[in-house]
C-alpha atoms as a PDB file:
ATOM      1  CA  UNK A   1      85.066 -89.488-100.649  1.00  0.00           C
ATOM      2  CA  UNK A   2      83.306 -90.922 -97.654  1.00  0.00           C
ATOM      3  CA  UNK A   3      80.621 -88.904 -95.988  1.00  0.00           C
ATOM      4  CA  UNK A   4      81.199 -88.266 -92.315  1.00  0.00           C
ATOM      5  CA  UNK A   5      78.803 -90.190 -90.130  1.00  0.00           C
ATOM      6  CA  UNK A   6      76.322 -88.180 -88.164  1.00  0.00           C
ATOM      7  CA  UNK A   7      76.432 -88.987 -84.495  1.00  0.00           C
ATOM      8  CA  UNK A   8      73.110 -89.758 -82.877  1.00  0.00           C
ATOM      9  CA  UNK A   9      72.098 -87.593 -79.945  1.00  0.00           C
ATOM     10  CA  UNK A  10      72.833 -89.389 -76.730  1.00  0.00           C
ATOM     11  CA  UNK A  11      70.236 -89.507 -73.977  1.00  0.00           C
ATOM     12  CA  UNK A  12      71.439 -88.741 -70.475  1.00  0.00           C
ATOM     13  CA  UNK A  13      72.563 -91.862 -68.672  1.00  0.00           C
ATOM     14  CA  UNK A  14      72.198 -90.610 -65.136  1.00  0.00           C
ATOM     15  CA  UNK A  15      68.850 -90.401 -63.436  1.00  0.00           C
ATOM     16  CA  UNK A  16      69.380 -86.713 -62.689  1.00  0.00           C
ATOM     17  CA  UNK A  17      70.172 -86.019 -66.354  1.00  0.00           C
ATOM     18  CA  UNK A  18      67.103 -87.896 -67.496  1.00  0.00           C
ATOM     19  CA  UNK A  19      64.978 -85.944 -65.013  1.00  0.00           C
ATOM     20  CA  UNK A  20      66.288 -82.651 -66.361  1.00  0.00           C
ATOM     21  CA  UNK A  21      65.558 -83.741 -69.927  1.00  0.00           C
ATOM     22  CA  UNK A  22      61.985 -84.670 -69.034  1.00  0.00           C
ATOM     23  CA  UNK A  23      61.558 -81.322 -67.235  1.00  0.00           C
ATOM     24  CA  UNK A  24      62.895 -79.448 -70.232  1.00  0.00           C
ATOM     25  CA  UNK A  25      60.514 -81.269 -72.591  1.00  0.00           C
ATOM     26  CA  UNK A  26      57.569 -80.571 -70.287  1.00  0.00           C
ATOM     27  CA  UNK A  27      58.533 -76.904 -70.002  1.00  0.00           C
ATOM     28  CA  UNK A  28      58.701 -76.654 -73.800  1.00  0.00           C
ATOM     29  CA  UNK A  29      55.242 -78.174 -74.140  1.00  0.00           C
ATOM     30  CA  UNK A  30      53.803 -75.777 -71.560  1.00  0.00           C
ATOM     31  CA  UNK A  31      55.322 -72.782 -73.335  1.00  0.00           C
ATOM     32  CA  UNK A  32      53.992 -73.995 -76.651  1.00  0.00           C
ATOM     33  CA  UNK A  33      50.461 -74.277 -75.245  1.00  0.00           C
ATOM     34  CA  UNK A  34      50.424 -70.922 -73.440  1.00  0.00           C
ATOM     35  CA  UNK A  35      49.340 -68.833 -76.475  1.00  0.00           C
ATOM     36  CA  UNK A  36      46.434 -71.178 -77.264  1.00  0.00           C
ATOM     37  CA  UNK A  37      45.415 -71.183 -73.594  1.00  0.00           C
ATOM     38  CA  UNK A  38      45.502 -67.389 -73.550  1.00  0.00           C
ATOM     39  CA  UNK A  39      43.206 -67.258 -76.584  1.00  0.00           C
ATOM     40  CA  UNK A  40      40.673 -69.640 -75.017  1.00  0.00           C
ATOM     41  CA  UNK A  41      40.609 -67.629 -71.789  1.00  0.00           C
ATOM     42  CA  UNK A  42      40.180 -64.271 -73.537  1.00  0.00           C
ATOM     43  CA  UNK A  43      37.448 -65.477 -75.886  1.00  0.00           C
ATOM     44  CA  UNK A  44      35.591 -67.802 -73.503  1.00  0.00           C
ATOM     45  CA  UNK A  45      32.371 -65.785 -73.383  1.00  0.00           C
ATOM     46  CA  UNK A  46      32.725 -64.006 -76.726  1.00  0.00           C
ATOM     47  CA  UNK A  47      31.712 -66.661 -79.229  1.00  0.00           C
ATOM     48  CA  UNK A  48      28.166 -66.635 -80.579  1.00  0.00           C
ATOM     49  CA  UNK A  49      25.983 -68.058 -83.351  1.00  0.00           C
ATOM     50  CA  UNK A  50      23.984 -66.153 -85.938  1.00  0.00           C
ATOM     51  CA  UNK A  51      20.940 -66.833 -83.772  1.00  0.00           C
ATOM     52  CA  UNK A  52      22.230 -65.298 -80.527  1.00  0.00           C
ATOM     53  CA  UNK A  53      24.872 -62.752 -81.503  1.00  0.00           C
ATOM     54  CA  UNK A  54      24.017 -59.321 -80.001  1.00  0.00           C
ATOM     55  CA  UNK A  55      22.775 -56.647 -82.332  1.00  0.00           C
ATOM     56  CA  UNK A  56      25.844 -54.651 -83.264  1.00  0.00           C
ATOM     57  CA  UNK A  57      26.298 -51.839 -85.761  1.00  0.00           C
ATOM     58  CA  UNK A  58      29.373 -53.233 -87.487  1.00  0.00           C
ATOM     59  CA  UNK A  59      30.439 -56.659 -88.706  1.00  0.00           C
ATOM     60  CA  UNK A  60      34.034 -57.327 -89.752  1.00  0.00           C
ATOM     61  CA  UNK A  61      34.636 -59.997 -92.390  1.00  0.00           C
ATOM     62  CA  UNK A  62      38.257 -61.118 -92.813  1.00  0.00           C
ATOM     63  CA  UNK A  63      39.630 -62.047 -96.216  1.00  0.00           C
ATOM     64  CA  UNK A  64      40.267 -65.718 -96.976  1.00  0.00           C
ATOM     65  CA  UNK A  65      41.618 -65.828-100.491  1.00  0.00           C
ATOM     66  CA  UNK A  66      40.309 -65.519-104.041  1.00  0.00           C
ATOM     67  CA  UNK A  67      39.823 -68.112-106.748  1.00  0.00           C
ATOM     68  CA  UNK A  68      40.105 -66.603-110.247  1.00  0.00           C
ATOM     69  CA  UNK A  69      39.152 -63.223-108.789  1.00  0.00           C
ATOM     70  CA  UNK A  70      36.121 -64.525-106.900  1.00  0.00           C
ATOM     71  CA  UNK A  71      35.831 -65.235-103.153  1.00  0.00           C
ATOM     72  CA  UNK A  72      37.058 -68.698-102.262  1.00  0.00           C
ATOM     73  CA  UNK A  73      34.403 -71.070-100.832  1.00  0.00           C
ATOM     74  CA  UNK A  74      35.646 -70.316 -97.302  1.00  0.00           C
ATOM     75  CA  UNK A  75      35.415 -66.584 -97.878  1.00  0.00           C
ATOM     76  CA  UNK A  76      31.992 -66.921 -99.531  1.00  0.00           C
ATOM     77  CA  UNK A  77      30.677 -68.683 -96.401  1.00  0.00           C
ATOM     78  CA  UNK A  78      31.876 -65.749 -94.278  1.00  0.00           C
ATOM     79  CA  UNK A  79      30.183 -63.278 -96.590  1.00  0.00           C
ATOM     80  CA  UNK A  80      26.952 -65.334 -96.652  1.00  0.00           C
ATOM     81  CA  UNK A  81      26.863 -65.077 -92.879  1.00  0.00           C
ATOM     82  CA  UNK A  82      27.362 -61.315 -92.981  1.00  0.00           C
ATOM     83  CA  UNK A  83      24.584 -60.942 -95.543  1.00  0.00           C
ATOM     84  CA  UNK A  84      22.285 -63.060 -93.359  1.00  0.00           C
ATOM     85  CA  UNK A  85      22.974 -60.899 -90.306  1.00  0.00           C
ATOM     86  CA  UNK A  86      22.294 -57.745 -92.342  1.00  0.00           C
ATOM     87  CA  UNK A  87      18.981 -59.056 -93.677  1.00  0.00           C
ATOM     88  CA  UNK A  88      17.922 -59.961 -90.159  1.00  0.00           C
ATOM     89  CA  UNK A  89      18.750 -56.490 -88.875  1.00  0.00           C
ATOM     90  CA  UNK A  90      21.505 -57.745 -86.538  1.00  0.00           C
ATOM     91  CA  UNK A  91      24.142 -55.523 -88.143  1.00  0.00           C
ATOM     92  CA  UNK A  92      24.052 -52.259 -90.126  1.00  0.00           C
ATOM     93  CA  UNK A  93      27.462 -52.035 -91.802  1.00  0.00           C
ATOM     94  CA  UNK A  94      29.954 -54.619 -93.088  1.00  0.00           C
ATOM     95  CA  UNK A  95      33.658 -53.789 -92.980  1.00  0.00           C
ATOM     96  CA  UNK A  96      35.452 -56.081 -95.408  1.00  0.00           C
ATOM     97  CA  UNK A  97      39.155 -56.307 -94.713  1.00  0.00           C
ATOM     98  CA  UNK A  98      41.680 -58.046 -96.877  1.00  0.00           C
ATOM     99  CA  UNK A  99      44.729 -57.960 -99.084  1.00  0.00           C
ATOM    100  CA  UNK A 100      45.123 -55.538-101.975  1.00  0.00           C
ATOM    101  CA  UNK A 101      48.900 -55.436-102.020  1.00  0.00           C
ATOM    102  CA  UNK A 102      49.072 -55.762-105.822  1.00  0.00           C
ATOM    103  CA  UNK A 103      46.910 -54.644-108.727  1.00  0.00           C
ATOM    104  CA  UNK A 104      45.853 -58.144-109.814  1.00  0.00           C
ATOM    105  CA  UNK A 105      44.697 -59.201-106.343  1.00  0.00           C
ATOM    106  CA  UNK A 106      41.890 -57.322-104.620  1.00  0.00           C
ATOM    107  CA  UNK A 107      40.077 -59.138-101.831  1.00  0.00           C
ATOM    108  CA  UNK A 108      37.974 -56.196-100.537  1.00  0.00           C
ATOM    109  CA  UNK A 109      36.477 -55.357-103.947  1.00  0.00           C
ATOM    110  CA  UNK A 110      35.675 -59.027-104.612  1.00  0.00           C
ATOM    111  CA  UNK A 111      34.008 -59.210-101.203  1.00  0.00           C
ATOM    112  CA  UNK A 112      32.025 -56.053-101.856  1.00  0.00           C
ATOM    113  CA  UNK A 113      30.778 -57.395-105.207  1.00  0.00           C
ATOM    114  CA  UNK A 114      29.743 -60.652-103.589  1.00  0.00           C
ATOM    115  CA  UNK A 115      27.826 -58.883-100.812  1.00  0.00           C
ATOM    116  CA  UNK A 116      25.971 -56.557-103.155  1.00  0.00           C
ATOM    117  CA  UNK A 117      25.006 -59.586-105.193  1.00  0.00           C
ATOM    118  CA  UNK A 118      23.530 -61.096-102.037  1.00  0.00           C
ATOM    119  CA  UNK A 119      21.373 -58.190-100.981  1.00  0.00           C
ATOM    120  CA  UNK A 120      23.689 -55.901 -98.993  1.00  0.00           C
ATOM    121  CA  UNK A 121      23.526 -52.308-100.354  1.00  0.00           C
ATOM    122  CA  UNK A 122      26.810 -50.938-101.566  1.00  0.00           C
ATOM    123  CA  UNK A 123      26.377 -47.911 -99.245  1.00  0.00           C
ATOM    124  CA  UNK A 124      26.481 -50.332 -96.287  1.00  0.00           C
ATOM    125  CA  UNK A 125      29.829 -51.853 -97.174  1.00  0.00           C
ATOM    126  CA  UNK A 126      33.178 -50.312 -96.189  1.00  0.00           C
ATOM    127  CA  UNK A 127      36.477 -51.589 -97.610  1.00  0.00           C
ATOM    128  CA  UNK A 128      39.794 -51.901 -95.812  1.00  0.00           C
ATOM    129  CA  UNK A 129      42.452 -52.556 -98.456  1.00  0.00           C
ATOM    130  CA  UNK A 130      45.317 -53.013 -96.016  1.00  0.00           C
ATOM    131  CA  UNK A 131      44.090 -55.917 -93.894  1.00  0.00           C
ATOM    132  CA  UNK A 132      47.225 -57.941 -94.559  1.00  0.00           C
ATOM    133  CA  UNK A 133      46.793 -60.104 -91.445  1.00  0.00           C
ATOM    134  CA  UNK A 134      44.416 -60.426 -88.521  1.00  0.00           C
ATOM    135  CA  UNK A 135      46.284 -58.041 -86.244  1.00  0.00           C
ATOM    136  CA  UNK A 136      46.508 -55.375 -88.948  1.00  0.00           C
ATOM    137  CA  UNK A 137      42.766 -55.727 -89.634  1.00  0.00           C
ATOM    138  CA  UNK A 138      41.871 -55.354 -85.944  1.00  0.00           C
ATOM    139  CA  UNK A 139      44.118 -52.335 -85.328  1.00  0.00           C
ATOM    140  CA  UNK A 140      42.924 -50.588 -88.476  1.00  0.00           C
ATOM    141  CA  UNK A 141      39.293 -51.249 -87.601  1.00  0.00           C
ATOM    142  CA  UNK A 142      39.872 -49.360 -84.372  1.00  0.00           C
ATOM    143  CA  UNK A 143      42.359 -46.640 -85.332  1.00  0.00           C
ATOM    144  CA  UNK A 144      41.431 -45.958 -88.950  1.00  0.00           C
ATOM    145  CA  UNK A 145      37.716 -46.748 -89.156  1.00  0.00           C
ATOM    146  CA  UNK A 146      36.775 -45.848 -85.563  1.00  0.00           C
ATOM    147  CA  UNK A 147      35.110 -49.208 -84.791  1.00  0.00           C
ATOM    148  CA  UNK A 148      34.611 -49.642 -81.026  1.00  0.00           C
ATOM    149  CA  UNK A 149      32.390 -52.749 -81.130  1.00  0.00           C
ATOM    150  CA  UNK A 150      31.938 -55.380 -83.805  1.00  0.00           C
ATOM    151  CA  UNK A 151      30.766 -58.826 -84.771  1.00  0.00           C
ATOM    152  CA  UNK A 152      33.671 -60.734 -86.279  1.00  0.00           C
ATOM    153  CA  UNK A 153      32.977 -63.375 -88.895  1.00  0.00           C
ATOM    154  CA  UNK A 154      35.417 -66.153 -89.809  1.00  0.00           C
ATOM    155  CA  UNK A 155      35.761 -69.927 -89.781  1.00  0.00           C
ATOM    156  CA  UNK A 156      35.769 -71.728 -86.459  1.00  0.00           C
ATOM    157  CA  UNK A 157      39.489 -72.501 -86.553  1.00  0.00           C
ATOM    158  CA  UNK A 158      40.316 -68.760 -86.876  1.00  0.00           C
ATOM    159  CA  UNK A 159      37.583 -66.972 -84.921  1.00  0.00           C
ATOM    160  CA  UNK A 160      39.164 -67.230 -81.453  1.00  0.00           C
ATOM    161  CA  UNK A 161      42.377 -65.620 -82.661  1.00  0.00           C
ATOM    162  CA  UNK A 162      40.418 -62.882 -84.425  1.00  0.00           C
ATOM    163  CA  UNK A 163      38.396 -62.105 -81.298  1.00  0.00           C
ATOM    164  CA  UNK A 164      41.429 -62.191 -79.007  1.00  0.00           C
ATOM    165  CA  UNK A 165      43.401 -59.807 -81.207  1.00  0.00           C
ATOM    166  CA  UNK A 166      40.520 -57.384 -81.782  1.00  0.00           C
ATOM    167  CA  UNK A 167      39.860 -57.305 -78.054  1.00  0.00           C
ATOM    168  CA  UNK A 168      43.533 -56.447 -77.515  1.00  0.00           C
ATOM    169  CA  UNK A 169      43.293 -53.748 -80.194  1.00  0.00           C
ATOM    170  CA  UNK A 170      40.425 -52.105 -78.299  1.00  0.00           C
ATOM    171  CA  UNK A 171      37.434 -53.428 -80.265  1.00  0.00           C
ATOM    172  CA  UNK A 172      34.750 -55.059 -78.107  1.00  0.00           C
ATOM    173  CA  UNK A 173      34.169 -58.174 -80.148  1.00  0.00           C
ATOM    174  CA  UNK A 174      31.782 -61.058 -80.593  1.00  0.00           C
ATOM    175  CA  UNK A 175      32.843 -63.892 -82.836  1.00  0.00           C
ATOM    176  CA  UNK A 176      30.641 -65.911 -85.171  1.00  0.00           C
ATOM    177  CA  UNK A 177      32.402 -69.037 -86.341  1.00  0.00           C
ATOM    178  CA  UNK A 178      31.211 -70.185 -89.746  1.00  0.00           C
ATOM    179  CA  UNK A 179      30.781 -73.914 -90.275  1.00  0.00           C
ATOM    180  CA  UNK A 180      33.106 -75.429 -92.856  1.00  0.00           C
ATOM    181  CA  UNK A 181      33.621 -78.764 -94.552  1.00  0.00           C
ATOM    182  CA  UNK A 182      36.504 -80.640 -92.975  1.00  0.00           C
ATOM    183  CA  UNK A 183      38.585 -80.807 -96.133  1.00  0.00           C
ATOM    184  CA  UNK A 184      42.284 -80.305 -96.765  1.00  0.00           C
ATOM    185  CA  UNK A 185      41.942 -76.548 -96.404  1.00  0.00           C
ATOM    186  CA  UNK A 186      40.211 -76.936 -93.037  1.00  0.00           C
ATOM    187  CA  UNK A 187      42.947 -79.183 -91.682  1.00  0.00           C
ATOM    188  CA  UNK A 188      45.600 -76.842 -93.028  1.00  0.00           C
ATOM    189  CA  UNK A 189      43.876 -73.886 -91.369  1.00  0.00           C
ATOM    190  CA  UNK A 190      43.598 -75.705 -88.063  1.00  0.00           C
ATOM    191  CA  UNK A 191      47.268 -76.673 -88.152  1.00  0.00           C
ATOM    192  CA  UNK A 192      48.284 -73.163 -89.110  1.00  0.00           C
ATOM    193  CA  UNK A 193      46.472 -71.753 -86.103  1.00  0.00           C
ATOM    194  CA  UNK A 194      48.746 -73.667 -83.729  1.00  0.00           C
ATOM    195  CA  UNK A 195      51.689 -71.656 -85.021  1.00  0.00           C
ATOM    196  CA  UNK A 196      49.688 -68.443 -85.546  1.00  0.00           C
ATOM    197  CA  UNK A 197      48.709 -68.447 -81.863  1.00  0.00           C
ATOM    198  CA  UNK A 198      52.301 -67.703 -80.961  1.00  0.00           C
ATOM    199  CA  UNK A 199      52.463 -64.690 -83.261  1.00  0.00           C
ATOM    200  CA  UNK A 200      49.095 -63.519 -81.962  1.00  0.00           C
ATOM    201  CA  UNK A 201      50.413 -63.585 -78.395  1.00  0.00           C
ATOM    202  CA  UNK A 202      53.452 -61.550 -79.464  1.00  0.00           C
ATOM    203  CA  UNK A 203      51.207 -59.047 -81.266  1.00  0.00           C
ATOM    204  CA  UNK A 204      49.089 -58.697 -78.152  1.00  0.00           C
ATOM    205  CA  UNK A 205      52.146 -58.099 -75.956  1.00  0.00           C
ATOM    206  CA  UNK A 206      54.156 -55.758 -78.173  1.00  0.00           C
ATOM    207  CA  UNK A 207      51.245 -54.196 -80.153  1.00  0.00           C
ATOM    208  CA  UNK A 208      53.224 -53.460 -83.359  1.00  0.00           C
ATOM    209  CA  UNK A 209      51.918 -50.945 -85.851  1.00  0.00           C
ATOM    210  CA  UNK A 210      50.203 -52.448 -88.933  1.00  0.00           C
ATOM    211  CA  UNK A 211      52.214 -52.744 -92.090  1.00  0.00           C
ATOM    212  CA  UNK A 212      50.242 -49.732 -93.352  1.00  0.00           C
ATOM    213  CA  UNK A 213      48.304 -47.416 -91.061  1.00  0.00           C
ATOM    214  CA  UNK A 214      47.542 -44.235 -92.979  1.00  0.00           C
ATOM    215  CA  UNK A 215      44.980 -41.565 -92.122  1.00  0.00           C
ATOM    216  CA  UNK A 216      41.595 -42.029 -90.536  1.00  0.00           C
ATOM    217  CA  UNK A 217      38.702 -42.883 -92.851  1.00  0.00           C
ATOM    218  CA  UNK A 218      35.058 -41.894 -92.211  1.00  0.00           C
ATOM    219  CA  UNK A 219      33.501 -44.751 -94.168  1.00  0.00           C
ATOM    220  CA  UNK A 220      31.931 -46.568 -91.231  1.00  0.00           C
ATOM    221  CA  UNK A 221      30.454 -43.469 -89.593  1.00  0.00           C
ATOM    222  CA  UNK A 222      29.100 -42.250 -92.924  1.00  0.00           C
ATOM    223  CA  UNK A 223      27.526 -45.601 -93.672  1.00  0.00           C
ATOM    224  CA  UNK A 224      25.896 -45.663 -90.238  1.00  0.00           C
ATOM    225  CA  UNK A 225      24.487 -42.174 -90.821  1.00  0.00           C
ATOM    226  CA  UNK A 226      22.506 -43.337 -93.830  1.00  0.00           C
ATOM    227  CA  UNK A 227      19.109 -44.951 -93.399  1.00  0.00           C
ATOM    228  CA  UNK A 228      18.201 -48.409 -94.718  1.00  0.00           C
END
């Protein structure tokens, strides 16, 4: 049985048709770039380094995967930065937010263990076990943990999206982008952000509820009430 031949798409033959095609392609490119443009505009003056980030009570560290139950190298770099800011007195509390959707995968507890091993007291760490994505983490930081202002810590390819979404969620945010080796993971992360920017824009417009909201938790305020 012979397979039917697939017909090739035909380009418009008339000048008017070709003009409309070019206009449609250009419009598609503009629409694709709008979310990324929005993120750059929103975060233009919000990115800092560990040397010049304003002193802020709370730092938020986003999960970035576990390897054999331990923080991945990318996540470890984020946690190292949080520990550095704590030692320097630039922050007082670290909110670790990540995925704990199943018993055998617990990002927040792995992050807590890493931080305590690097000099951050356990009493200064608060865990968010339902940070399933960046928007969820930002909304929960505001609505569940009562965070009004925070330093956000992530890799450079992700930090603008984190700051933009937390700003939209009502958290005054400063982003610290952690340096990372330009390996396969880095290129994957950068490529993923192109598509994630579209979802981020939709989250900012429609403001959906997180996958799990729950009741308010006093962890951050209690941690701030304790002395170093």
